[in-house]
Structure formats: structure tokens, C-alpha cells
């Protein structure tokens, strides 16, 4: 998160926006959780546990969609045989 979604002030890393006092902690927690799931997906790939990789990549993209997360999810989808999902992820990623 780079800016407050309420007032568009620059995000300073604090739990509350310095300008409008909106609680940004929940959004920051969601971003942190998405990053943790993405890291878990990459670790599962290293361990060759592709079902866990798919689970964590899908969860990471559900929480916060990033290009890196979409690439990991497309790869995980291929590895578990979810070919339609892999094509959908790759198409959405490259249509930008």
C-alpha cells in the first residue's frame, strides 16, 4: 500500500493515517498475510509439494493480486493439472 485509500495521503507505515486517522492496520495485515502465503507457495515449490503451492498461491492472489503472485499461481495451476486456471491467470497477467 502506497497511499491511504480514504484520503490518498502517502502511507507512512503506521497503523493510522497521519492525515485522516483511518485505521490502515487491517489492510497492512492483509498485505502481510498475502506475502506470507506467497512465500509459503515458493517454499512448497522448493519442496515439490505442488498441491500446497497451489493452495498458498491461490490464497495469496485472493488476498492481494500482484504480478508475481499471478505468475506463481499460473505455474502452480499447471503443476496440479488446472490448465484452464493457468491459462486464465497467464492471459490476465499479459493483458495489462
PDB file of N, CA and C in Angstrom:
ATOM      1  N   UNK A   1       0.861  -1.168   0.000  1.00  0.00           N
ATOM      2  CA  UNK A   1       0.000   0.000   0.000  1.00  0.00           C
ATOM      3  C   UNK A   1       0.905   1.228   0.000  1.00  0.00           C
ATOM      4  N   UNK A   2       0.669   2.064  -0.947  1.00  0.00           N
ATOM      5  CA  UNK A   2       1.470   3.281  -1.062  1.00  0.00           C
ATOM      6  C   UNK A   2       0.731   4.511  -0.561  1.00  0.00           C
ATOM      7  N   UNK A   3      -0.599   4.454  -0.618  1.00  0.00           N
ATOM      8  CA  UNK A   3      -1.401   5.619  -0.228  1.00  0.00           C
ATOM      9  C   UNK A   3      -2.618   5.178   0.567  1.00  0.00           C
ATOM     10  N   UNK A   4      -3.107   6.082   1.384  1.00  0.00           N
ATOM     11  CA  UNK A   4      -4.327   5.844   2.151  1.00  0.00           C
ATOM     12  C   UNK A   4      -5.500   5.757   1.176  1.00  0.00           C
ATOM     13  N   UNK A   5      -6.323   4.716   1.254  1.00  0.00           N
ATOM     14  CA  UNK A   5      -7.445   4.609   0.330  1.00  0.00           C
ATOM     15  C   UNK A   5      -8.560   5.625   0.617  1.00  0.00           C
ATOM     16  N   UNK A   6      -8.541   6.244   1.770  1.00  0.00           N
ATOM     17  CA  UNK A   6      -9.571   7.211   2.124  1.00  0.00           C
ATOM     18  C   UNK A   6      -9.236   8.616   1.637  1.00  0.00           C
ATOM     19  N   UNK A   7      -8.032   9.076   1.955  1.00  0.00           N
ATOM     20  CA  UNK A   7      -7.699  10.470   1.634  1.00  0.00           C
ATOM     21  C   UNK A   7      -6.539  10.612   0.652  1.00  0.00           C
ATOM     22  N   UNK A   8      -5.940   9.497   0.245  1.00  0.00           N
ATOM     23  CA  UNK A   8      -4.853   9.479  -0.722  1.00  0.00           C
ATOM     24  C   UNK A   8      -3.532  10.054  -0.188  1.00  0.00           C
ATOM     25  N   UNK A   9      -3.409  10.157   1.122  1.00  0.00           N
ATOM     26  CA  UNK A   9      -2.144  10.608   1.715  1.00  0.00           C
ATOM     27  C   UNK A   9      -1.109   9.493   1.575  1.00  0.00           C
ATOM     28  N   UNK A  10       0.147   9.850   1.490  1.00  0.00           N
ATOM     29  CA  UNK A  10       1.220   8.864   1.393  1.00  0.00           C
ATOM     30  C   UNK A  10       1.223   7.990   2.650  1.00  0.00           C
ATOM     31  N   UNK A  11       1.316   6.666   2.446  1.00  0.00           N
ATOM     32  CA  UNK A  11       1.342   5.713   3.555  1.00  0.00           C
ATOM     33  C   UNK A  11       2.714   5.771   4.229  1.00  0.00           C
ATOM     34  N   UNK A  12       2.719   5.967   5.526  1.00  0.00           N
ATOM     35  CA  UNK A  12       3.975   6.110   6.267  1.00  0.00           C
ATOM     36  C   UNK A  12       4.363   4.857   7.033  1.00  0.00           C
ATOM     37  N   UNK A  13       3.560   3.795   6.920  1.00  0.00           N
ATOM     38  CA  UNK A  13       3.877   2.560   7.625  1.00  0.00           C
ATOM     39  C   UNK A  13       3.249   2.460   8.996  1.00  0.00           C
ATOM     40  N   UNK A  14       2.507   3.457   9.395  1.00  0.00           N
ATOM     41  CA  UNK A  14       1.855   3.441  10.706  1.00  0.00           C
ATOM     42  C   UNK A  14       0.451   2.866  10.584  1.00  0.00           C
ATOM     43  N   UNK A  15      -0.082   2.443  11.708  1.00  0.00           N
ATOM     44  CA  UNK A  15      -1.395   1.789  11.730  1.00  0.00           C
ATOM     45  C   UNK A  15      -2.524   2.746  11.346  1.00  0.00           C
ATOM     46  N   UNK A  16      -2.381   4.016  11.654  1.00  0.00           N
ATOM     47  CA  UNK A  16      -3.423   5.001  11.342  1.00  0.00           C
ATOM     48  C   UNK A  16      -2.859   6.044  10.387  1.00  0.00           C
ATOM     49  N   UNK A  17      -3.695   6.478   9.450  1.00  0.00           N
ATOM     50  CA  UNK A  17      -3.295   7.512   8.503  1.00  0.00           C
ATOM     51  C   UNK A  17      -2.989   8.796   9.266  1.00  0.00           C
ATOM     52  N   UNK A  18      -1.880   9.433   8.929  1.00  0.00           N
ATOM     53  CA  UNK A  18      -1.498  10.651   9.631  1.00  0.00           C
ATOM     54  C   UNK A  18      -2.420  11.820   9.299  1.00  0.00           C
ATOM     55  N   UNK A  19      -3.107  11.758   8.162  1.00  0.00           N
ATOM     56  CA  UNK A  19      -3.973  12.860   7.767  1.00  0.00           C
ATOM     57  C   UNK A  19      -5.413  12.672   8.246  1.00  0.00           C
ATOM     58  N   UNK A  20      -6.034  11.535   7.896  1.00  0.00           N
ATOM     59  CA  UNK A  20      -7.471  11.375   8.178  1.00  0.00           C
ATOM     60  C   UNK A  20      -7.764  10.419   9.326  1.00  0.00           C
ATOM     61  N   UNK A  21      -6.732   9.778   9.879  1.00  0.00           N
ATOM     62  CA  UNK A  21      -6.839   8.868  11.018  1.00  0.00           C
ATOM     63  C   UNK A  21      -7.583   7.564  10.704  1.00  0.00           C
ATOM     64  N   UNK A  22      -7.682   7.194   9.427  1.00  0.00           N
ATOM     65  CA  UNK A  22      -8.272   5.907   9.052  1.00  0.00           C
ATOM     66  C   UNK A  22      -7.375   4.789   9.549  1.00  0.00           C
ATOM     67  N   UNK A  23      -7.985   3.723  10.082  1.00  0.00           N
ATOM     68  CA  UNK A  23      -7.225   2.561  10.537  1.00  0.00           C
ATOM     69  C   UNK A  23      -6.748   1.780   9.323  1.00  0.00           C
ATOM     70  N   UNK A  24      -5.467   1.817   9.054  1.00  0.00           N
ATOM     71  CA  UNK A  24      -4.879   1.127   7.912  1.00  0.00           C
ATOM     72  C   UNK A  24      -4.279  -0.211   8.313  1.00  0.00           C
ATOM     73  N   UNK A  25      -4.378  -0.542   9.579  1.00  0.00           N
ATOM     74  CA  UNK A  25      -3.780  -1.771  10.086  1.00  0.00           C
ATOM     75  C   UNK A  25      -4.339  -3.018   9.452  1.00  0.00           C
ATOM     76  N   UNK A  26      -5.643  -3.053   9.239  1.00  0.00           N
ATOM     77  CA  UNK A  26      -6.264  -4.232   8.635  1.00  0.00           C
ATOM     78  C   UNK A  26      -5.733  -4.456   7.222  1.00  0.00           C
ATOM     79  N   UNK A  27      -5.626  -3.379   6.442  1.00  0.00           N
ATOM     80  CA  UNK A  27      -5.083  -3.507   5.087  1.00  0.00           C
ATOM     81  C   UNK A  27      -3.622  -3.954   5.121  1.00  0.00           C
ATOM     82  N   UNK A  28      -2.867  -3.409   6.040  1.00  0.00           N
ATOM     83  CA  UNK A  28      -1.463  -3.804   6.163  1.00  0.00           C
ATOM     84  C   UNK A  28      -1.356  -5.272   6.565  1.00  0.00           C
ATOM     85  N   UNK A  29      -2.253  -5.728   7.453  1.00  0.00           N
ATOM     86  CA  UNK A  29      -2.258  -7.132   7.866  1.00  0.00           C
ATOM     87  C   UNK A  29      -2.589  -8.049   6.691  1.00  0.00           C
ATOM     88  N   UNK A  30      -3.515  -7.624   5.832  1.00  0.00           N
ATOM     89  CA  UNK A  30      -3.877  -8.413   4.661  1.00  0.00           C
ATOM     90  C   UNK A  30      -2.688  -8.504   3.703  1.00  0.00           C
ATOM     91  N   UNK A  31      -1.996  -7.403   3.494  1.00  0.00           N
ATOM     92  CA  UNK A  31      -0.816  -7.421   2.626  1.00  0.00           C
ATOM     93  C   UNK A  31       0.267  -8.335   3.194  1.00  0.00           C
ATOM     94  N   UNK A  32       0.457  -8.285   4.499  1.00  0.00           N
ATOM     95  CA  UNK A  32       1.447  -9.150   5.150  1.00  0.00           C
ATOM     96  C   UNK A  32       1.078 -10.615   4.978  1.00  0.00           C
ATOM     97  N   UNK A  33      -0.197 -10.929   5.195  1.00  0.00           N
ATOM     98  CA  UNK A  33      -0.665 -12.304   5.046  1.00  0.00           C
ATOM     99  C   UNK A  33      -0.504 -12.796   3.612  1.00  0.00           C
ATOM    100  N   UNK A  34      -0.805 -11.936   2.643  1.00  0.00           N
ATOM    101  CA  UNK A  34      -0.633 -12.308   1.240  1.00  0.00           C
ATOM    102  C   UNK A  34       0.836 -12.610   0.948  1.00  0.00           C
ATOM    103  N   UNK A  35       1.733 -11.801   1.480  1.00  0.00           N
ATOM    104  CA  UNK A  35       3.165 -12.040   1.294  1.00  0.00           C
ATOM    105  C   UNK A  35       3.619 -13.342   1.928  1.00  0.00           C
ATOM    106  N   UNK A  36       3.067 -13.650   3.096  1.00  0.00           N
ATOM    107  CA  UNK A  36       3.417 -14.900   3.772  1.00  0.00           C
ATOM    108  C   UNK A  36       2.930 -16.104   2.968  1.00  0.00           C
ATOM    109  N   UNK A  37       1.727 -16.009   2.401  1.00  0.00           N
ATOM    110  CA  UNK A  37       1.215 -17.105   1.574  1.00  0.00           C
ATOM    111  C   UNK A  37       2.047 -17.260   0.307  1.00  0.00           C
ATOM    112  N   UNK A  38       2.475 -16.167  -0.269  1.00  0.00           N
ATOM    113  CA  UNK A  38       3.320 -16.244  -1.461  1.00  0.00           C
ATOM    114  C   UNK A  38       4.658 -16.901  -1.133  1.00  0.00           C
ATOM    115  N   UNK A  39       5.237 -16.528  -0.008  1.00  0.00           N
ATOM    116  CA  UNK A  39       6.489 -17.163   0.431  1.00  0.00           C
ATOM    117  C   UNK A  39       6.286 -18.656   0.675  1.00  0.00           C
ATOM    118  N   UNK A  40       5.138 -19.011   1.270  1.00  0.00           N
ATOM    119  CA  UNK A  40       4.831 -20.424   1.533  1.00  0.00           C
ATOM    120  C   UNK A  40       4.661 -21.181   0.218  1.00  0.00           C
ATOM    121  N   UNK A  41       4.076 -20.541  -0.785  1.00  0.00           N
ATOM    122  CA  UNK A  41       3.912 -21.183  -2.095  1.00  0.00           C
ATOM    123  C   UNK A  41       5.278 -21.466  -2.721  1.00  0.00           C
ATOM    124  N   UNK A  42       6.175 -20.518  -2.617  1.00  0.00           N
ATOM    125  CA  UNK A  42       7.516 -20.698  -3.179  1.00  0.00           C
ATOM    126  C   UNK A  42       8.273 -21.785  -2.422  1.00  0.00           C
ATOM    127  N   UNK A  43       8.102 -21.828  -1.105  1.00  0.00           N
ATOM    128  CA  UNK A  43       8.730 -22.889  -0.302  1.00  0.00           C
ATOM    129  C   UNK A  43       8.159 -24.255  -0.662  1.00  0.00           C
ATOM    130  N   UNK A  44       6.854 -24.308  -0.888  1.00  0.00           N
ATOM    131  CA  UNK A  44       6.222 -25.576  -1.272  1.00  0.00           C
ATOM    132  C   UNK A  44       6.746 -26.034  -2.628  1.00  0.00           C
ATOM    133  N   UNK A  45       7.000 -25.094  -3.535  1.00  0.00           N
ATOM    134  CA  UNK A  45       7.591 -25.460  -4.829  1.00  0.00           C
ATOM    135  C   UNK A  45       8.972 -26.074  -4.622  1.00  0.00           C
ATOM    136  N   UNK A  46       9.775 -25.462  -3.767  1.00  0.00           N
ATOM    137  CA  UNK A  46      11.109 -25.997  -3.483  1.00  0.00           C
ATOM    138  C   UNK A  46      11.036 -27.403  -2.913  1.00  0.00           C
ATOM    139  N   UNK A  47       9.975 -27.671  -2.127  1.00  0.00           N
ATOM    140  CA  UNK A  47       9.780 -28.990  -1.515  1.00  0.00           C
ATOM    141  C   UNK A  47       9.042 -29.947  -2.452  1.00  0.00           C
ATOM    142  N   UNK A  48       8.697 -29.473  -3.652  1.00  0.00           N
ATOM    143  CA  UNK A  48       7.961 -30.251  -4.647  1.00  0.00           C
ATOM    144  C   UNK A  48       6.588 -30.697  -4.142  1.00  0.00           C
ATOM    145  N   UNK A  49       5.980 -29.892  -3.281  1.00  0.00           N
ATOM    146  CA  UNK A  49       4.621 -30.137  -2.791  1.00  0.00           C
ATOM    147  C   UNK A  49       3.695 -29.187  -3.550  1.00  0.00           C
ATOM    148  N   UNK A  50       3.313 -29.602  -4.746  1.00  0.00           N
ATOM    149  CA  UNK A  50       2.613 -28.715  -5.663  1.00  0.00           C
ATOM    150  C   UNK A  50       1.182 -28.413  -5.242  1.00  0.00           C
ATOM    151  N   UNK A  51       0.547 -29.316  -4.515  1.00  0.00           N
ATOM    152  CA  UNK A  51      -0.808 -29.035  -4.001  1.00  0.00           C
ATOM    153  C   UNK A  51      -0.753 -27.881  -2.993  1.00  0.00           C
ATOM    154  N   UNK A  52       0.228 -27.911  -2.107  1.00  0.00           N
ATOM    155  CA  UNK A  52       0.379 -26.820  -1.136  1.00  0.00           C
ATOM    156  C   UNK A  52       0.773 -25.531  -1.838  1.00  0.00           C
ATOM    157  N   UNK A  53       1.603 -25.656  -2.856  1.00  0.00           N
ATOM    158  CA  UNK A  53       1.981 -24.477  -3.635  1.00  0.00           C
ATOM    159  C   UNK A  53       0.745 -23.826  -4.243  1.00  0.00           C
ATOM    160  N   UNK A  54      -0.121 -24.648  -4.834  1.00  0.00           N
ATOM    161  CA  UNK A  54      -1.352 -24.147  -5.441  1.00  0.00           C
ATOM    162  C   UNK A  54      -2.250 -23.495  -4.403  1.00  0.00           C
ATOM    163  N   UNK A  55      -2.412 -24.147  -3.248  1.00  0.00           N
ATOM    164  CA  UNK A  55      -3.245 -23.604  -2.180  1.00  0.00           C
ATOM    165  C   UNK A  55      -2.746 -22.224  -1.742  1.00  0.00           C
ATOM    166  N   UNK A  56      -1.456 -22.130  -1.450  1.00  0.00           N
ATOM    167  CA  UNK A  56      -0.905 -20.869  -0.939  1.00  0.00           C
ATOM    168  C   UNK A  56      -0.884 -19.776  -2.017  1.00  0.00           C
ATOM    169  N   UNK A  57      -0.593 -20.144  -3.251  1.00  0.00           N
ATOM    170  CA  UNK A  57      -0.595 -19.153  -4.330  1.00  0.00           C
ATOM    171  C   UNK A  57      -1.997 -18.614  -4.570  1.00  0.00           C
ATOM    172  N   UNK A  58      -2.970 -19.507  -4.523  1.00  0.00           N
ATOM    173  CA  UNK A  58      -4.360 -19.088  -4.716  1.00  0.00           C
ATOM    174  C   UNK A  58      -4.799 -18.159  -3.586  1.00  0.00           C
ATOM    175  N   UNK A  59      -4.404 -18.479  -2.371  1.00  0.00           N
ATOM    176  CA  UNK A  59      -4.751 -17.643  -1.215  1.00  0.00           C
ATOM    177  C   UNK A  59      -4.055 -16.284  -1.308  1.00  0.00           C
ATOM    178  N   UNK A  60      -2.798 -16.274  -1.712  1.00  0.00           N
ATOM    179  CA  UNK A  60      -2.060 -15.012  -1.837  1.00  0.00           C
ATOM    180  C   UNK A  60      -2.733 -14.095  -2.853  1.00  0.00           C
ATOM    181  N   UNK A  61      -3.151 -14.659  -3.985  1.00  0.00           N
ATOM    182  CA  UNK A  61      -3.811 -13.847  -5.011  1.00  0.00           C
ATOM    183  C   UNK A  61      -5.201 -13.398  -4.575  1.00  0.00           C
ATOM    184  N   UNK A  62      -5.860 -14.208  -3.759  1.00  0.00           N
ATOM    185  CA  UNK A  62      -7.177 -13.809  -3.263  1.00  0.00           C
ATOM    186  C   UNK A  62      -7.059 -12.628  -2.299  1.00  0.00           C
ATOM    187  N   UNK A  63      -5.978 -12.597  -1.532  1.00  0.00           N
ATOM    188  CA  UNK A  63      -5.789 -11.508  -0.568  1.00  0.00           C
ATOM    189  C   UNK A  63      -5.271 -10.243  -1.236  1.00  0.00           C
ATOM    190  N   UNK A  64      -4.290 -10.410  -2.119  1.00  0.00           N
ATOM    191  CA  UNK A  64      -3.721  -9.249  -2.823  1.00  0.00           C
ATOM    192  C   UNK A  64      -3.089  -9.727  -4.109  1.00  0.00           C
ATOM    193  N   UNK A  65      -3.667  -9.329  -5.206  1.00  0.00           N
ATOM    194  CA  UNK A  65      -3.182  -9.779  -6.512  1.00  0.00           C
ATOM    195  C   UNK A  65      -2.004  -8.913  -6.958  1.00  0.00           C
ATOM    196  N   UNK A  66      -0.883  -9.572  -7.183  1.00  0.00           N
ATOM    197  CA  UNK A  66       0.313  -8.922  -7.699  1.00  0.00           C
ATOM    198  C   UNK A  66       0.769  -9.702  -8.935  1.00  0.00           C
ATOM    199  N   UNK A  67       1.563  -9.090  -9.797  1.00  0.00           N
ATOM    200  CA  UNK A  67       2.074  -9.840 -10.956  1.00  0.00           C
ATOM    201  C   UNK A  67       2.878 -11.071 -10.548  1.00  0.00           C
ATOM    202  N   UNK A  68       3.685 -10.947  -9.508  1.00  0.00           N
ATOM    203  CA  UNK A  68       4.468 -12.096  -9.045  1.00  0.00           C
ATOM    204  C   UNK A  68       3.553 -13.206  -8.541  1.00  0.00           C
ATOM    205  N   UNK A  69       2.547 -12.835  -7.767  1.00  0.00           N
ATOM    206  CA  UNK A  69       1.593 -13.824  -7.266  1.00  0.00           C
ATOM    207  C   UNK A  69       0.837 -14.508  -8.384  1.00  0.00           C
ATOM    208  N   UNK A  70       0.458 -13.742  -9.401  1.00  0.00           N
ATOM    209  CA  UNK A  70      -0.259 -14.321 -10.542  1.00  0.00           C
ATOM    210  C   UNK A  70       0.629 -15.298 -11.305  1.00  0.00           C
ATOM    211  N   UNK A  71       1.916 -14.985 -11.438  1.00  0.00           N
ATOM    212  CA  UNK A  71       2.840 -15.899 -12.114  1.00  0.00           C
ATOM    213  C   UNK A  71       3.009 -17.195 -11.328  1.00  0.00           C
ATOM    214  N   UNK A  72       3.141 -17.056 -10.004  1.00  0.00           N
ATOM    215  CA  UNK A  72       3.282 -18.250  -9.166  1.00  0.00           C
ATOM    216  C   UNK A  72       2.002 -19.084  -9.229  1.00  0.00           C
ATOM    217  N   UNK A  73       0.847 -18.428  -9.204  1.00  0.00           N
ATOM    218  CA  UNK A  73      -0.423 -19.157  -9.288  1.00  0.00           C
ATOM    219  C   UNK A  73      -0.569 -19.837 -10.645  1.00  0.00           C
ATOM    220  N   UNK A  74      -0.181 -19.181 -11.726  1.00  0.00           N
ATOM    221  CA  UNK A  74      -0.249 -19.811 -13.052  1.00  0.00           C
ATOM    222  C   UNK A  74       0.652 -21.045 -13.096  1.00  0.00           C
ATOM    223  N   UNK A  75       1.838 -20.934 -12.550  1.00  0.00           N
ATOM    224  CA  UNK A  75       2.761 -22.072 -12.524  1.00  0.00           C
ATOM    225  C   UNK A  75       2.217 -23.206 -11.668  1.00  0.00           C
ATOM    226  N   UNK A  76       1.699 -22.864 -10.494  1.00  0.00           N
ATOM    227  CA  UNK A  76       1.132 -23.878  -9.603  1.00  0.00           C
ATOM    228  C   UNK A  76      -0.066 -24.557 -10.257  1.00  0.00           C
ATOM    229  N   UNK A  77      -0.870 -23.790 -10.963  1.00  0.00           N
ATOM    230  CA  UNK A  77      -2.034 -24.357 -11.646  1.00  0.00           C
ATOM    231  C   UNK A  77      -1.602 -25.397 -12.674  1.00  0.00           C
ATOM    232  N   UNK A  78      -0.550 -25.087 -13.413  1.00  0.00           N
ATOM    233  CA  UNK A  78      -0.026 -26.061 -14.379  1.00  0.00           C
ATOM    234  C   UNK A  78       0.460 -27.321 -13.686  1.00  0.00           C
ATOM    235  N   UNK A  79       1.158 -27.146 -12.579  1.00  0.00           N
ATOM    236  CA  UNK A  79       1.760 -28.288 -11.886  1.00  0.00           C
ATOM    237  C   UNK A  79       0.731 -29.221 -11.263  1.00  0.00           C
ATOM    238  N   UNK A  80      -0.466 -28.708 -10.951  1.00  0.00           N
ATOM    239  CA  UNK A  80      -1.502 -29.573 -10.373  1.00  0.00           C
ATOM    240  C   UNK A  80      -2.557 -29.963 -11.402  1.00  0.00           C
ATOM    241  N   UNK A  81      -2.337 -29.587 -12.655  1.00  0.00           N
ATOM    242  CA  UNK A  81      -3.243 -30.001 -13.711  1.00  0.00           C
ATOM    243  C   UNK A  81      -4.471 -29.133 -13.894  1.00  0.00           C
ATOM    244  N   UNK A  82      -4.468 -27.939 -13.336  1.00  0.00           N
ATOM    245  CA  UNK A  82      -5.573 -26.993 -13.511  1.00  0.00           C
ATOM    246  C   UNK A  82      -5.248 -26.100 -14.709  1.00  0.00           C
ATOM    247  N   UNK A  83      -5.330 -26.677 -15.886  1.00  0.00           N
ATOM    248  CA  UNK A  83      -4.862 -25.994 -17.089  1.00  0.00           C
ATOM    249  C   UNK A  83      -5.697 -24.764 -17.441  1.00  0.00           C
ATOM    250  N   UNK A  84      -7.007 -24.850 -17.255  1.00  0.00           N
ATOM    251  CA  UNK A  84      -7.859 -23.693 -17.546  1.00  0.00           C
ATOM    252  C   UNK A  84      -7.511 -22.516 -16.637  1.00  0.00           C
ATOM    253  N   UNK A  85      -7.292 -22.811 -15.364  1.00  0.00           N
ATOM    254  CA  UNK A  85      -6.930 -21.753 -14.406  1.00  0.00           C
ATOM    255  C   UNK A  85      -5.571 -21.149 -14.780  1.00  0.00           C
ATOM    256  N   UNK A  86      -4.645 -21.990 -15.217  1.00  0.00           N
ATOM    257  CA  UNK A  86      -3.318 -21.498 -15.615  1.00  0.00           C
ATOM    258  C   UNK A  86      -3.428 -20.561 -16.806  1.00  0.00           C
ATOM    259  N   UNK A  87      -4.227 -20.938 -17.788  1.00  0.00           N
ATOM    260  CA  UNK A  87      -4.406 -20.092 -18.966  1.00  0.00           C
ATOM    261  C   UNK A  87      -5.071 -18.780 -18.571  1.00  0.00           C
ATOM    262  N   UNK A  88      -6.087 -18.848 -17.706  1.00  0.00           N
ATOM    263  CA  UNK A  88      -6.772 -17.634 -17.250  1.00  0.00           C
ATOM    264  C   UNK A  88      -5.810 -16.686 -16.545  1.00  0.00           C
ATOM    265  N   UNK A  89      -4.971 -17.230 -15.662  1.00  0.00           N
ATOM    266  CA  UNK A  89      -4.005 -16.392 -14.931  1.00  0.00           C
ATOM    267  C   UNK A  89      -3.006 -15.768 -15.892  1.00  0.00           C
ATOM    268  N   UNK A  90      -2.486 -16.569 -16.792  1.00  0.00           N
ATOM    269  CA  UNK A  90      -1.475 -16.066 -17.718  1.00  0.00           C
ATOM    270  C   UNK A  90      -2.054 -15.029 -18.656  1.00  0.00           C
ATOM    271  N   UNK A  91      -3.274 -15.267 -19.126  1.00  0.00           N
ATOM    272  CA  UNK A  91      -3.936 -14.312 -20.016  1.00  0.00           C
ATOM    273  C   UNK A  91      -4.177 -12.983 -19.304  1.00  0.00           C
ATOM    274  N   UNK A  92      -4.685 -13.054 -18.071  1.00  0.00           N
ATOM    275  CA  UNK A  92      -4.949 -11.832 -17.309  1.00  0.00           C
ATOM    276  C   UNK A  92      -3.654 -11.086 -17.028  1.00  0.00           C
ATOM    277  N   UNK A  93      -2.608 -11.795 -16.786  1.00  0.00           N
ATOM    278  CA  UNK A  93      -1.310 -11.179 -16.489  1.00  0.00           C
ATOM    279  C   UNK A  93      -0.742 -10.477 -17.715  1.00  0.00           C
ATOM    280  N   UNK A  94      -0.927 -11.048 -18.876  1.00  0.00           N
ATOM    281  CA  UNK A  94      -0.341 -10.490 -20.093  1.00  0.00           C
ATOM    282  C   UNK A  94      -1.254  -9.511 -20.817  1.00  0.00           C
ATOM    283  N   UNK A  95      -2.479  -9.346 -20.371  1.00  0.00           N
ATOM    284  CA  UNK A  95      -3.394  -8.379 -20.985  1.00  0.00           C
ATOM    285  C   UNK A  95      -3.189  -6.966 -20.475  1.00  0.00           C
ATOM    286  N   UNK A  96      -2.304  -6.776 -19.545  1.00  0.00           N
ATOM    287  CA  UNK A  96      -2.083  -5.459 -18.943  1.00  0.00           C
ATOM    288  C   UNK A  96      -1.396  -4.536 -19.862  1.00  0.00           C
TER     289      UNK A  96
END
